[in-house]
Protein backbone atom coordinates (compact mmCIF):
# COMPACT_ATOMS: atom_id res chain seq x y z
CA MET A 1 146.05 -93.10 63.36
CA ILE A 2 143.57 -95.98 63.68
CA ARG A 3 142.48 -94.73 67.06
CA GLU A 4 141.81 -91.17 65.69
CA VAL A 5 139.72 -92.47 62.88
CA ALA A 6 137.84 -94.71 65.23
CA ARG A 7 137.32 -91.86 67.69
CA ARG A 8 136.00 -89.61 64.82
CA GLU A 9 133.35 -92.18 63.85
CA ILE A 10 132.33 -92.74 67.58
CA VAL A 11 131.96 -89.02 68.31
CA THR A 12 130.27 -88.24 64.99
CA ARG A 13 127.68 -91.14 65.19
CA GLY A 14 127.35 -91.71 69.01
CA ARG A 15 125.98 -88.17 69.51
CA SER A 16 123.14 -88.54 67.13
CA LYS A 17 119.55 -88.64 68.37
CA VAL A 18 118.81 -91.81 66.19
CA TYR A 19 121.50 -93.71 68.01
CA ARG A 20 120.36 -92.70 71.50
CA VAL A 21 116.55 -93.58 70.75
CA THR A 22 117.51 -96.92 69.04
CA THR A 23 119.48 -97.96 72.03
CA PHE A 24 116.79 -97.22 74.49
CA LEU A 25 114.25 -99.09 72.25
CA LEU A 26 116.45 -102.18 72.09
CA LEU A 27 116.81 -102.18 75.90
CA ALA A 28 113.15 -101.79 76.34
CA LEU A 29 112.14 -104.49 73.88
CA THR A 30 114.64 -106.87 75.61
CA VAL A 31 113.39 -106.33 79.05
CA VAL A 32 109.74 -106.33 78.10
CA GLY A 33 110.13 -109.51 75.89
CA VAL A 34 111.84 -111.67 78.73
CA ILE A 35 109.43 -110.42 81.44
CA GLY A 36 106.48 -110.93 79.10
CA ALA A 37 107.55 -114.36 78.23
CA ALA A 38 107.80 -115.22 82.07
CA VAL A 39 104.40 -113.76 82.79
CA PHE A 40 102.32 -114.96 79.83
CA GLY A 41 104.37 -118.13 79.15
CA SER A 42 103.83 -119.68 82.56
CA GLY A 43 100.34 -118.18 83.43
CA GLY A 44 98.51 -119.76 80.58
CA ASP A 45 98.61 -123.36 82.07
CA ASP A 46 96.86 -122.30 85.38
CA ALA A 47 93.33 -122.13 83.75
CA PRO A 48 91.38 -125.25 84.27
CA THR A 49 90.07 -127.27 81.30
CA GLU A 50 86.24 -127.06 81.28
CA TYR A 51 83.93 -129.71 79.84
CA ASP A 52 80.07 -129.75 79.35
CA VAL A 53 78.57 -133.20 80.02
CA ALA A 54 74.96 -134.17 79.42
CA ALA A 55 74.43 -136.67 82.35
CA PRO A 56 71.98 -137.45 85.24
CA THR A 57 72.54 -135.07 88.12
CA GLU A 58 73.22 -138.02 90.57
CA LEU A 59 76.45 -138.64 88.51
CA GLY A 60 77.84 -135.19 89.50
CA PRO A 61 79.75 -136.32 92.76
CA ALA A 62 81.40 -139.22 90.83
CA LEU A 63 82.50 -136.88 88.03
CA ASP A 64 83.87 -134.42 90.38
CA ALA A 65 85.79 -137.08 92.31
CA SER A 66 87.22 -138.54 89.13
CA ALA A 67 88.26 -135.29 87.53
CA PRO A 68 91.72 -133.91 88.07
CA ASP A 69 92.36 -130.77 89.76
CA ASP A 70 92.78 -128.89 86.56
CA VAL A 71 89.64 -130.22 85.00
CA ARG A 72 86.08 -128.94 85.75
CA ILE A 73 82.97 -130.84 84.72
CA ASP A 74 79.73 -129.01 84.13
CA ILE A 75 76.63 -131.22 84.05
CA GLN A 76 74.02 -129.88 81.42
CA THR A 77 70.46 -130.91 80.85
CA PRO A 78 69.89 -130.09 77.15
CA GLY A 79 66.23 -129.00 76.46
CA ASP A 80 63.68 -131.13 77.96
CA GLY A 81 66.22 -133.92 78.58
CA SER A 82 64.79 -136.18 75.94
CA PRO A 83 67.14 -138.42 73.79
CA THR A 84 66.45 -136.24 70.74
CA ALA A 85 67.47 -132.97 72.64
CA ILE A 86 70.48 -134.62 73.93
CA ARG A 87 71.58 -135.89 70.44
CA THR A 88 70.93 -132.42 69.11
CA ALA A 89 73.17 -130.87 71.86
CA VAL A 90 76.01 -133.25 71.04
CA GLU A 91 75.67 -132.65 67.24
CA ASN A 92 75.69 -128.77 67.77
CA GLY A 93 78.62 -128.86 70.17
CA ASP A 94 76.62 -127.60 73.07
CA VAL A 95 77.92 -130.61 75.16
CA ASP A 96 81.04 -132.33 74.66
CA VAL A 97 79.80 -135.80 75.57
CA ALA A 98 76.51 -137.24 76.76
CA VAL A 99 75.86 -140.19 79.04
CA ILE A 100 72.74 -142.17 77.87
CA ASP A 101 70.98 -145.29 78.89
CA GLY A 102 73.26 -148.35 78.82
CA PRO A 103 75.30 -146.43 80.06
CA THR A 104 76.61 -145.36 76.64
CA LEU A 105 78.82 -142.38 75.92
CA LEU A 106 77.46 -140.44 72.94
CA TRP A 107 80.26 -138.21 71.02
CA ASN A 108 79.91 -136.09 68.00
CA ASP A 109 83.01 -137.41 66.26
CA GLU A 110 86.36 -138.12 67.94
CA PRO A 111 86.26 -138.82 71.73
CA ASP A 112 88.55 -136.56 74.01
CA PRO A 113 90.90 -138.90 75.75
CA LEU A 114 90.99 -136.98 78.99
CA LEU A 115 87.23 -136.42 79.26
CA GLN A 116 86.65 -140.02 78.32
CA ALA A 117 88.90 -141.20 81.22
CA VAL A 118 87.16 -138.93 83.59
CA VAL A 119 83.60 -140.09 82.70
CA VAL A 120 84.55 -143.75 82.39
CA GLY A 121 86.08 -143.45 85.81
CA ALA A 122 83.04 -141.67 87.17
CA LEU A 123 80.67 -144.45 85.83
CA ASP A 124 83.04 -147.14 87.55
CA ARG A 125 82.88 -145.27 90.81
CA ALA A 126 79.12 -144.98 90.68
CA SER A 127 78.77 -148.65 89.82
CA VAL A 128 80.98 -149.56 92.87
CA GLU A 129 79.16 -147.27 95.04
CA GLN A 130 75.80 -148.96 94.05
CA ARG A 131 77.21 -152.49 94.62
CA ALA A 132 78.66 -151.43 97.97
CA ASP A 133 75.31 -150.13 99.01
CA GLU A 134 73.57 -153.45 97.98
CA LEU A 135 76.23 -155.43 100.06
CA GLY A 136 75.96 -153.12 103.08
CA VAL A 137 79.32 -151.53 102.90
CA ASP A 138 79.17 -148.29 104.85
CA SER A 139 80.40 -144.99 103.33
CA SER A 140 83.26 -144.59 105.63
CA THR A 141 84.57 -147.99 104.60
CA LEU A 142 84.02 -147.20 101.01
CA ALA A 143 86.01 -144.00 101.40
CA GLU A 144 88.91 -145.79 102.83
CA LEU A 145 88.81 -148.19 99.72
CA PHE A 146 88.87 -145.27 97.32
CA ALA A 147 91.59 -143.41 99.20
CA PRO A 148 94.38 -142.71 96.78
CA ALA A 149 97.84 -144.35 97.38
CA PRO A 150 100.43 -142.03 98.49
CA VAL A 151 102.95 -141.49 95.49
CA ASP A 152 106.16 -139.34 95.57
CA GLU A 153 107.64 -138.11 92.36
CA GLU A 154 111.28 -137.56 91.58
CA PHE A 155 112.78 -136.07 88.48
CA VAL A 156 116.04 -136.87 86.72
CA ASP A 157 115.61 -133.38 84.79
CA PRO A 158 113.27 -131.47 86.93
CA PRO A 159 110.62 -129.41 84.87
CA SER A 160 111.11 -125.59 84.78
CA ASP A 161 110.92 -122.65 82.55
CA SER A 162 114.29 -123.33 81.14
CA GLU A 163 113.17 -123.96 77.66
CA SER A 164 111.28 -120.48 77.56
CA ALA A 165 114.50 -118.91 78.98
CA ARG A 166 116.77 -120.45 76.21
CA THR A 167 114.30 -119.47 73.55
CA ALA A 168 114.27 -115.89 74.71
CA VAL A 169 118.06 -115.75 74.63
CA ALA A 170 118.13 -117.29 71.26
CA LEU A 171 115.62 -114.82 69.85
CA LEU A 172 117.56 -111.98 71.34
CA GLY A 173 120.73 -113.29 69.61
CA ILE A 174 118.95 -113.58 66.31
CA PHE A 175 117.50 -110.13 66.50
CA ILE A 176 120.67 -108.43 67.61
CA MET A 177 122.85 -110.00 64.90
CA PHE A 178 120.41 -109.38 62.16
CA PHE A 179 119.70 -105.67 63.10
CA ALA A 180 123.06 -104.47 64.09
CA ILE A 181 125.11 -106.01 61.32
CA GLN A 182 122.73 -105.05 58.59
CA VAL A 183 122.21 -101.57 59.78
CA TYR A 184 125.82 -100.52 60.88
CA GLY A 185 127.29 -102.47 58.13
CA SER A 186 125.28 -100.58 55.64
CA GLN A 187 126.43 -97.32 57.38
CA ILE A 188 130.04 -98.12 56.81
CA ALA A 189 129.50 -98.76 53.22
CA MET A 190 127.43 -95.60 52.73
CA VAL A 191 130.03 -93.40 54.54
CA VAL A 192 132.83 -94.91 52.27
CA VAL A 193 130.72 -94.18 49.17
CA GLU A 194 129.69 -90.57 50.49
CA GLU A 195 133.41 -89.68 51.22
CA LYS A 196 134.50 -90.77 47.75
CA ALA A 197 131.64 -88.83 46.00
CA ASN A 198 132.53 -85.78 47.98
CA ARG A 199 136.17 -86.16 47.65
CA ILE A 200 136.59 -86.10 51.46
CA VAL A 201 138.56 -89.19 51.17
CA GLU A 202 141.37 -87.35 49.40
CA ILE A 203 141.76 -85.20 52.43
CA LEU A 204 141.74 -88.22 54.75
CA LEU A 205 144.24 -90.05 52.80
CA ALA A 206 146.70 -87.18 52.90
CA LEU A 207 146.63 -87.80 56.85
CA VAL A 208 146.12 -91.46 57.30
CA SER A 209 146.92 -94.63 55.23
CA PRO A 210 144.16 -96.56 53.51
CA ARG A 211 144.60 -99.61 55.83
CA ASP A 212 144.41 -97.47 59.05
CA LEU A 213 141.35 -95.63 57.47
CA LEU A 214 139.62 -98.90 56.93
CA ALA A 215 140.50 -100.46 60.22
CA GLY A 216 139.59 -97.10 62.00
CA LYS A 217 136.02 -97.22 60.33
CA VAL A 218 135.11 -100.74 61.17
CA LEU A 219 136.44 -100.30 64.86
CA GLY A 220 134.72 -96.98 65.32
CA VAL A 221 131.28 -98.05 64.01
CA GLY A 222 131.78 -101.53 65.56
CA ALA A 223 132.42 -100.08 68.96
CA LEU A 224 129.21 -98.08 68.70
CA ALA A 225 127.36 -101.27 67.72
CA SER A 226 128.91 -103.16 70.56
CA VAL A 227 127.77 -100.65 73.18
CA GLN A 228 124.31 -100.80 71.59
CA VAL A 229 124.37 -104.64 72.03
CA ALA A 230 125.95 -104.66 75.46
CA ILE A 231 123.15 -102.50 76.94
CA PRO A 232 120.24 -104.90 75.79
CA LEU A 233 122.47 -107.79 76.99
CA VAL A 234 122.69 -106.26 80.56
CA GLY A 235 119.05 -105.72 80.55
CA LEU A 236 118.56 -109.30 79.45
CA ALA A 237 120.51 -110.53 82.38
CA GLY A 238 118.58 -108.34 84.74
CA ALA A 239 115.27 -109.50 83.42
CA LEU A 240 116.13 -113.05 83.56
CA ALA A 241 117.07 -112.60 87.25
CA VAL A 242 113.87 -110.79 88.28
CA SER A 243 111.50 -112.75 86.15
CA ASP A 244 110.21 -116.29 86.60
CA PHE A 245 113.21 -117.55 84.83
CA ALA A 246 115.35 -117.35 88.01
CA ASP A 247 115.88 -121.13 87.73
CA ALA A 248 117.02 -120.86 84.04
CA PRO A 249 119.88 -123.16 83.04
CA ALA A 250 123.43 -122.22 83.00
CA SER A 251 123.29 -122.24 79.12
CA ALA A 252 120.95 -119.49 79.06
CA TYR A 253 123.45 -117.24 80.93
CA ALA A 254 126.61 -118.75 79.61
CA SER A 255 125.53 -118.12 76.05
CA LEU A 256 125.51 -114.30 76.70
CA PRO A 257 129.35 -113.88 76.72
CA LEU A 258 129.46 -116.03 73.55
CA LEU A 259 126.77 -113.87 71.99
CA ALA A 260 128.90 -110.84 72.56
CA LEU A 261 132.14 -112.46 71.37
CA VAL A 262 130.37 -113.84 68.19
CA PHE A 263 128.87 -110.49 67.58
CA VAL A 264 132.26 -108.74 67.73
CA LEU A 265 133.81 -111.11 65.37
CA GLY A 266 130.79 -111.39 62.90
CA PHE A 267 130.48 -107.57 62.88
CA THR A 268 134.13 -107.12 62.07
CA LEU A 269 133.85 -109.65 59.23
CA TYR A 270 130.77 -108.16 57.65
CA GLY A 271 131.99 -104.47 58.41
CA VAL A 272 135.14 -105.17 56.46
CA LEU A 273 133.12 -106.68 53.56
CA PHE A 274 130.70 -103.80 53.65
CA ALA A 275 133.58 -101.16 53.49
CA PHE A 276 135.17 -103.33 50.81
CA VAL A 277 132.08 -103.04 48.51
CA GLY A 278 131.61 -99.38 49.28
CA SER A 279 135.00 -98.76 47.97
CA LEU A 280 134.25 -100.25 44.69
CA VAL A 281 131.52 -97.70 43.85
CA SER A 282 131.47 -93.83 43.57
CA ARG A 283 127.71 -93.17 43.66
CA GLN A 284 125.17 -94.03 46.27
CA GLU A 285 122.70 -95.14 43.45
CA ASP A 286 125.11 -97.88 42.74
CA ALA A 287 125.65 -98.97 46.25
CA GLN A 288 122.46 -100.95 46.89
CA GLN A 289 122.99 -103.23 44.03
CA ALA A 290 126.68 -103.68 44.76
CA LEU A 291 125.76 -104.52 48.43
CA LEU A 292 123.43 -107.44 47.47
CA PRO A 293 126.26 -110.10 47.60
CA VAL A 294 126.83 -108.97 51.18
CA PHE A 295 123.28 -108.91 52.23
CA LEU A 296 122.58 -112.46 50.80
CA PRO A 297 124.61 -114.42 53.40
CA ILE A 298 123.07 -112.10 56.16
CA PHE A 299 119.50 -113.06 55.20
CA LEU A 300 120.61 -116.69 54.76
CA GLY A 301 122.10 -116.71 58.21
CA TYR A 302 118.91 -115.05 59.59
CA LEU A 303 116.70 -117.79 57.95
CA LEU A 304 118.93 -120.51 59.13
CA SER A 305 118.97 -119.11 62.70
CA LEU A 306 115.09 -119.25 62.72
CA GLN A 307 115.21 -122.74 61.43
CA ALA A 308 117.84 -123.73 64.13
CA LEU A 309 115.59 -122.19 66.78
CA SER A 310 112.95 -125.16 66.10
CA SER A 311 115.49 -127.80 65.33
CA PRO A 312 118.87 -126.95 66.87
CA ASP A 313 120.07 -130.53 66.70
CA SER A 314 119.69 -130.77 62.82
CA THR A 315 122.49 -131.28 60.46
CA VAL A 316 121.72 -127.92 58.73
CA ALA A 317 121.96 -126.14 62.06
CA THR A 318 125.31 -127.78 62.92
CA ILE A 319 126.80 -126.94 59.60
CA ALA A 320 125.43 -123.39 59.71
CA SER A 321 127.00 -122.90 63.22
CA VAL A 322 130.38 -123.53 61.75
CA VAL A 323 130.45 -121.80 58.40
CA PRO A 324 131.92 -118.39 59.03
CA PHE A 325 129.21 -116.25 57.11
CA THR A 326 126.33 -117.79 58.98
CA SER A 327 127.80 -118.74 62.34
CA PRO A 328 127.37 -115.20 63.81
CA PHE A 329 123.73 -115.88 63.48
CA VAL A 330 123.32 -119.64 64.05
CA LEU A 331 126.00 -120.42 66.70
CA PRO A 332 124.39 -118.36 69.58
CA VAL A 333 120.99 -120.03 68.93
CA THR A 334 122.39 -123.58 69.13
CA VAL A 335 124.43 -122.87 72.25
CA ALA A 336 121.49 -121.28 74.02
CA GLN A 337 119.51 -124.37 73.08
CA GLU A 338 122.31 -126.63 74.34
CA ALA A 339 122.86 -128.17 71.01
CA SER A 340 126.44 -127.30 70.16
CA SER A 341 129.28 -129.17 71.65
CA PRO A 342 132.53 -127.36 72.82
CA LEU A 343 134.23 -128.83 69.78
CA ILE A 344 131.80 -127.17 67.36
CA VAL A 345 132.11 -123.89 69.31
CA ALA A 346 135.77 -124.00 69.11
CA ALA A 347 135.82 -124.85 65.45
CA ALA A 348 133.20 -122.16 64.53
CA LEU A 349 135.39 -119.54 66.40
CA VAL A 350 138.61 -120.45 64.88
CA LEU A 351 137.07 -120.36 61.44
CA LEU A 352 135.30 -117.13 62.03
CA VAL A 353 138.56 -115.50 63.31
CA ALA A 354 140.56 -116.78 60.46
CA THR A 355 137.99 -115.68 57.93
CA THR A 356 137.82 -112.31 59.33
CA ILE A 357 141.69 -111.82 59.23
CA GLY A 358 141.78 -112.98 55.57
CA ALA A 359 138.84 -110.53 54.79
CA LEU A 360 140.70 -107.79 56.42
CA ALA A 361 143.95 -108.37 54.57
CA PHE A 362 142.24 -108.71 51.23
CA ALA A 363 139.96 -105.58 51.72
CA ALA A 364 142.88 -103.52 53.05
CA ARG A 365 144.74 -104.44 49.91
CA VAL A 366 141.96 -103.49 47.42
CA TYR A 367 141.30 -100.44 49.67
CA GLU A 368 144.57 -98.84 48.56
CA PHE A 369 143.74 -98.98 44.93
CA THR A 370 140.02 -98.18 44.99
CA LEU A 371 139.37 -95.24 47.32
CA LEU A 372 140.59 -92.70 44.91
CA ARG A 373 139.01 -94.17 41.80
CA THR A 374 135.76 -92.56 40.63
CA GLY A 375 133.49 -92.94 37.93
CA SER A 376 132.15 -96.44 36.92
CA ARG A 377 131.80 -99.20 39.39
CA ILE A 378 134.71 -101.55 39.83
CA SER A 379 134.04 -105.05 39.26
CA LEU A 380 134.88 -107.74 41.75
CA ARG A 381 137.21 -109.38 39.18
CA GLU A 382 139.23 -106.23 38.83
CA ALA A 383 139.41 -105.72 42.59
CA VAL A 384 140.84 -109.19 42.81
CA ARG A 385 143.35 -108.40 40.15
CA LEU A 386 144.29 -105.13 42.00
CA ALA A 387 144.85 -107.11 45.20
CA ARG A 388 147.17 -109.53 43.42
CA ASP A 389 149.36 -106.88 41.72
């Protein structure tokens, strides 16, 4: 009978227009988000850094020779070139630095370390060229002296877009968990309340046991939610493959199956809790207040997952990755950020499975006594008493 109940939920809700549109939007947001991160995340570093410098024009070649490839120096002549005009230009921010007699570098406040190194290097080069000319050193010999030494670079951990890829996967996990568990969990609770209010549950209980009805509802709605999660995950894998994240680390891809597994377990846990709370009330007006204790750990897990995104190695993130009520949100983030060891992942999954089984057994026991009760809201204390009897 569990299969029939689950099938009824899938057929009824899976054919709705809202479900289809939401699935498409999730897929589109996932693909556009990853490709956008690849395009805009890596393209912003290509623009050169520009500086305006008030300096004699003859210093121009030395400035160009001293500046790195990603730095461009524009020589300016403020006003009439007088000391007063130059100082005014520096004070107004029209130029970043001025080279005045001495030579002296005139800054407005704090010197820019990169620009300071470029200008000082240019002044040194100009001074060497002047001395070489006085000593009769020809330009070709001087060019050989200034020729840079050939230097090769090796990396123990080569730079790549891996950090952006891990962040994209982690953000996807946060969004999917928060959206799907909150939306579909609420649907389970509201359906239970509606069936109690309309007395439809009395007909259903004549055909199926309360335990099978609970399990069927959670499995049916969970299957719809899983499909809606799986489609964006496939889109994510494809977007990672075709974007600039082709060199993404294995953790970015390896976390996707874990994300799917944790979602199934987390949704089952919260789906059972939503159904349990829904069985305690008979009116939808009372449902929102009754569901508050279930929403609190969801919002807490969401906030902790955002904190773990910036500090995945923190103690708070590690604890939240293991606690069953927050691990569905935080564990995929720490795994995608390569901050969770296999031991932490194993402990988190074991605790999540154990808690889900315990919640299912407890909720099924209470379900038997509360589905046919109408009227005032059943308190949690009374529900516990019913489960013990």
